[in-house]
Amino acid sequence: MSALDATILDDAAAEDLSARLADVFRTSEVGDVLTEDVFLDGHPPLWRFQLQGRDSFAAWLRGYSPDGSDITVVRTISTASGLVTELVGRHDEDGHEMTDRKIVLCEVRDGQIAELTVYCSGDWDAELRARHAAETELLRP
């Protein structure tokens, strides 16, 4: 996407799109927040994958989190061509609570998210959360 195709968002529009993106992860329903040709560049720990198209994104999301996730938008920042949002998630996997944190860089075109670059902490189970709590003290949430 060229800089000329990008949308400059005000803070309210960025926060609205971020909330709508969080709803996608909450419900596992893509809706119309993403363009038909959306591009995802995913960066979970120790891996990288890419996909293109709203249907491909929807299939990936249903495979990853078929019942959706509890998502909290921590913050959203407008950029020259879209937004950056920080998300904290929780979902069940085989009866176990899993948590994660994501930073999502979004390029916006015509009011929809056209590109997402997702950096994710990966899924943390109870054992990893307990180990983390025992080994480190966070200064901020």
N, C-alpha and C. Protein backbone atom coordinates (compact mmCIF):
# COMPACT_ATOMS: atom_id res chain seq x y z
N MET A 1 0.85 -1.16 0.00
CA MET A 1 0.00 0.00 0.00
C MET A 1 0.90 1.23 0.00
N SER A 2 0.60 2.17 -0.85
CA SER A 2 1.41 3.38 -0.89
C SER A 2 0.89 4.38 0.13
N ALA A 3 1.73 5.32 0.46
CA ALA A 3 1.35 6.35 1.44
C ALA A 3 0.14 7.14 0.94
N LEU A 4 -0.04 7.25 -0.37
CA LEU A 4 -1.18 7.99 -0.91
C LEU A 4 -2.49 7.27 -0.68
N ASP A 5 -2.46 5.93 -0.54
CA ASP A 5 -3.67 5.15 -0.31
C ASP A 5 -4.05 5.10 1.16
N ALA A 6 -3.14 5.49 2.04
CA ALA A 6 -3.36 5.36 3.47
C ALA A 6 -4.37 6.38 3.96
N THR A 7 -4.99 6.04 5.07
CA THR A 7 -5.97 6.92 5.71
C THR A 7 -5.35 7.49 6.98
N ILE A 8 -5.38 8.80 7.12
CA ILE A 8 -4.93 9.41 8.36
C ILE A 8 -6.13 9.46 9.29
N LEU A 9 -6.01 8.79 10.44
CA LEU A 9 -7.12 8.68 11.37
C LEU A 9 -6.97 9.66 12.52
N ASP A 10 -8.09 10.20 12.97
CA ASP A 10 -8.04 10.93 14.23
C ASP A 10 -8.13 9.91 15.35
N ASP A 11 -7.91 10.36 16.58
CA ASP A 11 -7.87 9.43 17.71
C ASP A 11 -9.19 8.67 17.88
N ALA A 12 -10.32 9.34 17.70
CA ALA A 12 -11.62 8.69 17.89
C ALA A 12 -11.83 7.58 16.85
N ALA A 13 -11.46 7.85 15.60
CA ALA A 13 -11.61 6.83 14.55
C ALA A 13 -10.68 5.64 14.81
N ALA A 14 -9.46 5.92 15.28
CA ALA A 14 -8.52 4.84 15.59
C ALA A 14 -9.06 3.99 16.74
N GLU A 15 -9.59 4.62 17.78
CA GLU A 15 -10.13 3.87 18.91
C GLU A 15 -11.34 3.06 18.50
N ASP A 16 -12.17 3.59 17.60
CA ASP A 16 -13.33 2.84 17.11
C ASP A 16 -12.88 1.60 16.33
N LEU A 17 -11.92 1.77 15.43
CA LEU A 17 -11.43 0.62 14.67
C LEU A 17 -10.76 -0.41 15.58
N SER A 18 -10.03 0.05 16.58
CA SER A 18 -9.39 -0.85 17.53
C SER A 18 -10.44 -1.66 18.29
N ALA A 19 -11.50 -1.00 18.73
CA ALA A 19 -12.58 -1.69 19.44
C ALA A 19 -13.26 -2.71 18.53
N ARG A 20 -13.46 -2.35 17.27
CA ARG A 20 -14.08 -3.28 16.32
C ARG A 20 -13.15 -4.47 16.04
N LEU A 21 -11.84 -4.23 15.98
CA LEU A 21 -10.89 -5.32 15.80
C LEU A 21 -10.91 -6.24 17.03
N ALA A 22 -10.97 -5.66 18.22
CA ALA A 22 -11.07 -6.47 19.44
C ALA A 22 -12.32 -7.34 19.40
N ASP A 23 -13.42 -6.80 18.88
CA ASP A 23 -14.65 -7.59 18.74
C ASP A 23 -14.44 -8.79 17.81
N VAL A 24 -13.63 -8.62 16.78
CA VAL A 24 -13.32 -9.74 15.88
C VAL A 24 -12.69 -10.87 16.69
N PHE A 25 -11.72 -10.55 17.53
CA PHE A 25 -11.07 -11.58 18.35
C PHE A 25 -12.00 -12.11 19.45
N ARG A 26 -12.91 -11.27 19.94
CA ARG A 26 -13.85 -11.71 20.98
C ARG A 26 -14.84 -12.74 20.45
N THR A 27 -15.29 -12.53 19.23
CA THR A 27 -16.38 -13.34 18.68
C THR A 27 -15.93 -14.35 17.64
N SER A 28 -14.73 -14.22 17.12
CA SER A 28 -14.24 -15.03 16.00
C SER A 28 -15.09 -14.81 14.75
N GLU A 29 -15.77 -13.65 14.68
CA GLU A 29 -16.54 -13.25 13.51
C GLU A 29 -15.86 -12.04 12.89
N VAL A 30 -15.45 -12.16 11.64
CA VAL A 30 -14.64 -11.10 11.01
C VAL A 30 -15.46 -9.86 10.68
N GLY A 31 -16.68 -10.02 10.25
CA GLY A 31 -17.49 -8.86 9.91
C GLY A 31 -16.85 -8.04 8.79
N ASP A 32 -17.04 -6.72 8.84
CA ASP A 32 -16.56 -5.87 7.75
C ASP A 32 -15.46 -4.91 8.20
N VAL A 33 -14.84 -5.14 9.35
CA VAL A 33 -13.78 -4.25 9.81
C VAL A 33 -12.52 -4.42 8.97
N LEU A 34 -12.37 -5.58 8.32
CA LEU A 34 -11.21 -5.87 7.47
C LEU A 34 -11.60 -5.75 6.00
N THR A 35 -10.65 -5.29 5.18
CA THR A 35 -10.90 -5.26 3.74
C THR A 35 -10.98 -6.69 3.20
N GLU A 36 -11.59 -6.86 2.05
CA GLU A 36 -11.66 -8.19 1.41
C GLU A 36 -10.27 -8.77 1.18
N ASP A 37 -9.30 -7.91 0.85
CA ASP A 37 -7.95 -8.38 0.52
C ASP A 37 -6.97 -8.18 1.68
N VAL A 38 -7.49 -8.14 2.91
CA VAL A 38 -6.65 -7.89 4.09
C VAL A 38 -5.41 -8.79 4.08
N PHE A 39 -4.30 -8.24 4.54
CA PHE A 39 -3.04 -8.97 4.63
C PHE A 39 -2.64 -9.06 6.10
N LEU A 40 -2.33 -10.26 6.57
CA LEU A 40 -1.89 -10.48 7.95
C LEU A 40 -0.47 -11.01 7.93
N ASP A 41 0.39 -10.35 8.70
CA ASP A 41 1.76 -10.81 8.93
C ASP A 41 1.85 -11.12 10.42
N GLY A 42 1.79 -12.41 10.78
CA GLY A 42 1.73 -12.83 12.17
C GLY A 42 3.09 -13.24 12.71
N HIS A 43 3.38 -12.80 13.93
CA HIS A 43 4.65 -13.08 14.59
C HIS A 43 4.43 -13.65 15.99
N PRO A 44 3.98 -14.91 16.08
CA PRO A 44 3.96 -15.53 17.41
C PRO A 44 5.39 -15.90 17.80
N PRO A 45 5.62 -16.30 19.03
CA PRO A 45 6.99 -16.65 19.42
C PRO A 45 7.59 -17.72 18.52
N LEU A 46 8.81 -17.49 18.10
CA LEU A 46 9.60 -18.46 17.35
C LEU A 46 8.97 -18.88 16.03
N TRP A 47 8.12 -18.02 15.44
CA TRP A 47 7.49 -18.37 14.18
C TRP A 47 7.04 -17.12 13.46
N ARG A 48 6.71 -17.27 12.20
CA ARG A 48 6.13 -16.18 11.42
C ARG A 48 5.25 -16.81 10.35
N PHE A 49 4.11 -16.20 10.10
CA PHE A 49 3.23 -16.68 9.03
C PHE A 49 2.53 -15.48 8.40
N GLN A 50 2.04 -15.69 7.19
CA GLN A 50 1.31 -14.64 6.49
C GLN A 50 0.09 -15.27 5.82
N LEU A 51 -0.93 -14.45 5.66
CA LEU A 51 -2.10 -14.88 4.90
C LEU A 51 -2.74 -13.65 4.29
N GLN A 52 -3.55 -13.88 3.28
CA GLN A 52 -4.21 -12.76 2.62
C GLN A 52 -5.65 -13.12 2.32
N GLY A 53 -6.52 -12.14 2.53
CA GLY A 53 -7.94 -12.29 2.26
C GLY A 53 -8.75 -12.46 3.52
N ARG A 54 -9.94 -11.84 3.51
CA ARG A 54 -10.82 -11.89 4.68
C ARG A 54 -11.23 -13.33 5.00
N ASP A 55 -11.50 -14.15 3.98
CA ASP A 55 -11.89 -15.54 4.23
C ASP A 55 -10.75 -16.33 4.85
N SER A 56 -9.53 -16.10 4.39
CA SER A 56 -8.37 -16.79 4.98
C SER A 56 -8.16 -16.36 6.42
N PHE A 57 -8.33 -15.07 6.69
CA PHE A 57 -8.21 -14.57 8.06
C PHE A 57 -9.26 -15.22 8.95
N ALA A 58 -10.51 -15.29 8.46
CA ALA A 58 -11.60 -15.88 9.24
C ALA A 58 -11.32 -17.35 9.52
N ALA A 59 -10.81 -18.09 8.55
CA ALA A 59 -10.50 -19.51 8.75
C ALA A 59 -9.39 -19.67 9.79
N TRP A 60 -8.35 -18.85 9.70
CA TRP A 60 -7.27 -18.90 10.69
C TRP A 60 -7.80 -18.61 12.09
N LEU A 61 -8.62 -17.57 12.22
CA LEU A 61 -9.14 -17.18 13.53
C LEU A 61 -10.02 -18.26 14.12
N ARG A 62 -10.88 -18.88 13.30
CA ARG A 62 -11.72 -19.97 13.79
C ARG A 62 -10.88 -21.15 14.26
N GLY A 63 -9.76 -21.41 13.59
CA GLY A 63 -8.87 -22.49 14.01
C GLY A 63 -8.12 -22.17 15.29
N TYR A 64 -7.74 -20.91 15.45
CA TYR A 64 -6.98 -20.49 16.62
C TYR A 64 -7.88 -20.34 17.84
N SER A 65 -9.04 -19.73 17.67
CA SER A 65 -9.91 -19.42 18.80
C SER A 65 -11.36 -19.55 18.36
N PRO A 66 -11.84 -20.79 18.19
CA PRO A 66 -13.19 -20.99 17.64
C PRO A 66 -14.31 -20.38 18.48
N ASP A 67 -14.10 -20.27 19.78
CA ASP A 67 -15.13 -19.72 20.65
C ASP A 67 -14.87 -18.27 21.03
N GLY A 68 -13.88 -17.66 20.39
CA GLY A 68 -13.54 -16.28 20.71
C GLY A 68 -12.68 -16.19 21.95
N SER A 69 -12.32 -14.99 22.30
CA SER A 69 -11.45 -14.71 23.44
C SER A 69 -11.98 -13.52 24.21
N ASP A 70 -11.65 -13.47 25.49
CA ASP A 70 -11.88 -12.24 26.25
C ASP A 70 -10.73 -11.31 25.89
N ILE A 71 -11.05 -10.15 25.34
CA ILE A 71 -10.03 -9.21 24.87
C ILE A 71 -10.21 -7.87 25.57
N THR A 72 -9.10 -7.32 26.02
CA THR A 72 -9.08 -5.96 26.58
C THR A 72 -8.17 -5.11 25.71
N VAL A 73 -8.67 -3.97 25.29
CA VAL A 73 -7.85 -3.01 24.56
C VAL A 73 -7.12 -2.19 25.62
N VAL A 74 -5.81 -2.31 25.66
CA VAL A 74 -5.01 -1.58 26.65
C VAL A 74 -4.82 -0.14 26.22
N ARG A 75 -4.47 0.05 24.96
CA ARG A 75 -4.30 1.41 24.42
C ARG A 75 -4.29 1.34 22.90
N THR A 76 -4.58 2.48 22.30
CA THR A 76 -4.59 2.62 20.85
C THR A 76 -3.94 3.95 20.51
N ILE A 77 -3.07 3.92 19.52
CA ILE A 77 -2.35 5.12 19.10
C ILE A 77 -2.55 5.29 17.59
N SER A 78 -2.98 6.47 17.17
CA SER A 78 -3.11 6.78 15.75
C SER A 78 -1.73 6.90 15.12
N THR A 79 -1.61 6.46 13.87
CA THR A 79 -0.38 6.64 13.11
C THR A 79 -0.73 7.39 11.83
N ALA A 80 0.27 7.71 11.04
CA ALA A 80 0.04 8.43 9.79
C ALA A 80 -0.80 7.61 8.81
N SER A 81 -0.78 6.28 8.94
CA SER A 81 -1.50 5.45 7.97
C SER A 81 -2.46 4.46 8.62
N GLY A 82 -2.71 4.63 9.92
CA GLY A 82 -3.62 3.71 10.59
C GLY A 82 -3.55 3.82 12.09
N LEU A 83 -3.19 2.71 12.74
CA LEU A 83 -3.17 2.70 14.20
C LEU A 83 -2.28 1.57 14.70
N VAL A 84 -1.91 1.69 15.97
CA VAL A 84 -1.25 0.63 16.71
C VAL A 84 -2.12 0.39 17.94
N THR A 85 -2.41 -0.87 18.23
CA THR A 85 -3.21 -1.17 19.40
C THR A 85 -2.57 -2.30 20.19
N GLU A 86 -2.69 -2.22 21.50
CA GLU A 86 -2.20 -3.26 22.40
C GLU A 86 -3.41 -3.99 22.97
N LEU A 87 -3.42 -5.30 22.83
CA LEU A 87 -4.53 -6.13 23.27
C LEU A 87 -4.04 -7.18 24.27
N VAL A 88 -4.85 -7.43 25.28
CA VAL A 88 -4.60 -8.52 26.22
C VAL A 88 -5.76 -9.49 26.06
N GLY A 89 -5.42 -10.77 25.92
CA GLY A 89 -6.46 -11.76 25.67
C GLY A 89 -6.43 -12.92 26.64
N ARG A 90 -7.59 -13.59 26.73
CA ARG A 90 -7.74 -14.80 27.51
C ARG A 90 -8.73 -15.70 26.78
N HIS A 91 -8.35 -16.98 26.64
CA HIS A 91 -9.26 -17.95 26.04
C HIS A 91 -9.02 -19.32 26.66
N ASP A 92 -9.97 -20.21 26.45
CA ASP A 92 -9.83 -21.58 26.95
C ASP A 92 -9.31 -22.47 25.84
N GLU A 93 -8.37 -23.33 26.19
CA GLU A 93 -7.83 -24.30 25.26
C GLU A 93 -7.83 -25.65 25.96
N ASP A 94 -8.69 -26.54 25.49
CA ASP A 94 -8.80 -27.87 26.09
C ASP A 94 -9.06 -27.79 27.60
N GLY A 95 -9.91 -26.83 28.00
CA GLY A 95 -10.27 -26.69 29.40
C GLY A 95 -9.27 -25.92 30.25
N HIS A 96 -8.23 -25.37 29.63
CA HIS A 96 -7.22 -24.62 30.37
C HIS A 96 -7.23 -23.16 29.94
N GLU A 97 -7.10 -22.27 30.92
CA GLU A 97 -7.05 -20.84 30.63
C GLU A 97 -5.70 -20.49 30.02
N MET A 98 -5.74 -19.80 28.89
CA MET A 98 -4.54 -19.32 28.21
C MET A 98 -4.65 -17.80 28.12
N THR A 99 -3.52 -17.11 28.30
CA THR A 99 -3.51 -15.66 28.19
C THR A 99 -2.44 -15.23 27.19
N ASP A 100 -2.60 -14.03 26.65
CA ASP A 100 -1.61 -13.51 25.70
C ASP A 100 -1.66 -12.00 25.67
N ARG A 101 -0.64 -11.41 25.09
CA ARG A 101 -0.57 -9.97 24.84
C ARG A 101 -0.17 -9.79 23.38
N LYS A 102 -0.79 -8.83 22.72
CA LYS A 102 -0.50 -8.57 21.31
C LYS A 102 -0.29 -7.08 21.08
N ILE A 103 0.63 -6.78 20.19
CA ILE A 103 0.74 -5.45 19.60
C ILE A 103 0.35 -5.63 18.14
N VAL A 104 -0.61 -4.82 17.68
CA VAL A 104 -1.11 -4.95 16.32
C VAL A 104 -0.91 -3.62 15.60
N LEU A 105 -0.12 -3.64 14.54
CA LEU A 105 0.08 -2.47 13.69
C LEU A 105 -0.90 -2.61 12.52
N CYS A 106 -1.75 -1.62 12.35
CA CYS A 106 -2.80 -1.68 11.33
C CYS A 106 -2.64 -0.56 10.31
N GLU A 107 -2.70 -0.93 9.06
CA GLU A 107 -2.80 0.03 7.97
C GLU A 107 -4.27 0.10 7.59
N VAL A 108 -4.79 1.30 7.42
CA VAL A 108 -6.21 1.50 7.17
C VAL A 108 -6.43 2.07 5.78
N ARG A 109 -7.45 1.54 5.11
CA ARG A 109 -7.83 2.02 3.79
C ARG A 109 -9.35 2.16 3.75
N ASP A 110 -9.82 3.33 3.44
CA ASP A 110 -11.26 3.58 3.31
C ASP A 110 -12.05 3.12 4.53
N GLY A 111 -11.50 3.37 5.73
CA GLY A 111 -12.20 3.06 6.96
C GLY A 111 -12.15 1.61 7.40
N GLN A 112 -11.40 0.79 6.68
CA GLN A 112 -11.25 -0.62 7.05
C GLN A 112 -9.77 -0.94 7.23
N ILE A 113 -9.51 -1.98 8.01
CA ILE A 113 -8.13 -2.42 8.21
C ILE A 113 -7.71 -3.26 7.01
N ALA A 114 -6.65 -2.80 6.32
CA ALA A 114 -6.18 -3.46 5.11
C ALA A 114 -4.96 -4.34 5.37
N GLU A 115 -4.18 -4.00 6.39
CA GLU A 115 -3.00 -4.78 6.74
C GLU A 115 -2.87 -4.82 8.25
N LEU A 116 -2.50 -6.00 8.77
CA LEU A 116 -2.21 -6.16 10.19
C LEU A 116 -0.86 -6.83 10.33
N THR A 117 -0.01 -6.27 11.16
CA THR A 117 1.21 -6.94 11.59
C THR A 117 1.01 -7.19 13.07
N VAL A 118 1.00 -8.47 13.46
CA VAL A 118 0.68 -8.84 14.84
C VAL A 118 1.91 -9.45 15.50
N TYR A 119 2.34 -8.85 16.60
CA TYR A 119 3.40 -9.40 17.43
C TYR A 119 2.73 -9.91 18.70
N CYS A 120 2.85 -11.21 18.96
CA CYS A 120 2.13 -11.83 20.07
C CYS A 120 3.09 -12.52 21.03
N SER A 121 2.79 -12.43 22.31
CA SER A 121 3.61 -13.08 23.33
C SER A 121 3.47 -14.59 23.29
N GLY A 122 2.48 -15.09 22.58
CA GLY A 122 2.16 -16.51 22.61
C GLY A 122 1.21 -16.78 23.75
N ASP A 123 0.69 -18.00 23.79
CA ASP A 123 -0.26 -18.38 24.81
C ASP A 123 0.46 -18.82 26.08
N TRP A 124 0.09 -18.20 27.18
CA TRP A 124 0.67 -18.52 28.48
C TRP A 124 -0.34 -19.36 29.26
N ASP A 125 0.07 -20.54 29.69
CA ASP A 125 -0.80 -21.37 30.51
C ASP A 125 -0.56 -21.03 31.99
N ALA A 126 -1.28 -21.72 32.88
CA ALA A 126 -1.19 -21.44 34.32
C ALA A 126 0.23 -21.63 34.84
N GLU A 127 0.92 -22.67 34.36
CA GLU A 127 2.28 -22.93 34.82
C GLU A 127 3.22 -21.78 34.46
N LEU A 128 3.12 -21.29 33.23
CA LEU A 128 4.00 -20.19 32.82
C LEU A 128 3.65 -18.91 33.57
N ARG A 129 2.35 -18.64 33.77
CA ARG A 129 1.96 -17.45 34.53
C ARG A 129 2.48 -17.52 35.96
N ALA A 130 2.42 -18.71 36.59
CA ALA A 130 2.93 -18.88 37.95
C ALA A 130 4.45 -18.70 37.99
N ARG A 131 5.14 -19.28 37.04
CA ARG A 131 6.60 -19.13 36.98
C ARG A 131 6.98 -17.66 36.83
N HIS A 132 6.27 -16.98 35.93
CA HIS A 132 6.54 -15.56 35.71
C HIS A 132 6.31 -14.76 36.99
N ALA A 133 5.21 -15.03 37.68
CA ALA A 133 4.91 -14.31 38.92
C ALA A 133 5.97 -14.55 39.99
N ALA A 134 6.52 -15.76 40.01
CA ALA A 134 7.53 -16.10 41.02
C ALA A 134 8.90 -15.51 40.69
N GLU A 135 9.19 -15.33 39.40
CA GLU A 135 10.54 -14.93 38.99
C GLU A 135 10.72 -13.45 38.68
N THR A 136 9.63 -12.71 38.58
CA THR A 136 9.76 -11.30 38.23
C THR A 136 8.68 -10.46 38.89
N GLU A 137 9.00 -9.22 39.09
CA GLU A 137 8.03 -8.28 39.62
C GLU A 137 7.84 -7.18 38.59
N LEU A 138 6.62 -7.06 38.09
CA LEU A 138 6.35 -6.03 37.09
C LEU A 138 6.17 -4.68 37.76
N LEU A 139 6.69 -3.65 37.14
CA LEU A 139 6.53 -2.29 37.65
C LEU A 139 5.22 -1.66 37.21
N ARG A 140 4.67 -2.17 36.08
CA ARG A 140 3.39 -1.70 35.56
C ARG A 140 2.61 -2.91 35.06
N PRO A 141 1.30 -2.79 35.02
CA PRO A 141 0.49 -3.94 34.55
C PRO A 141 0.76 -4.28 33.09
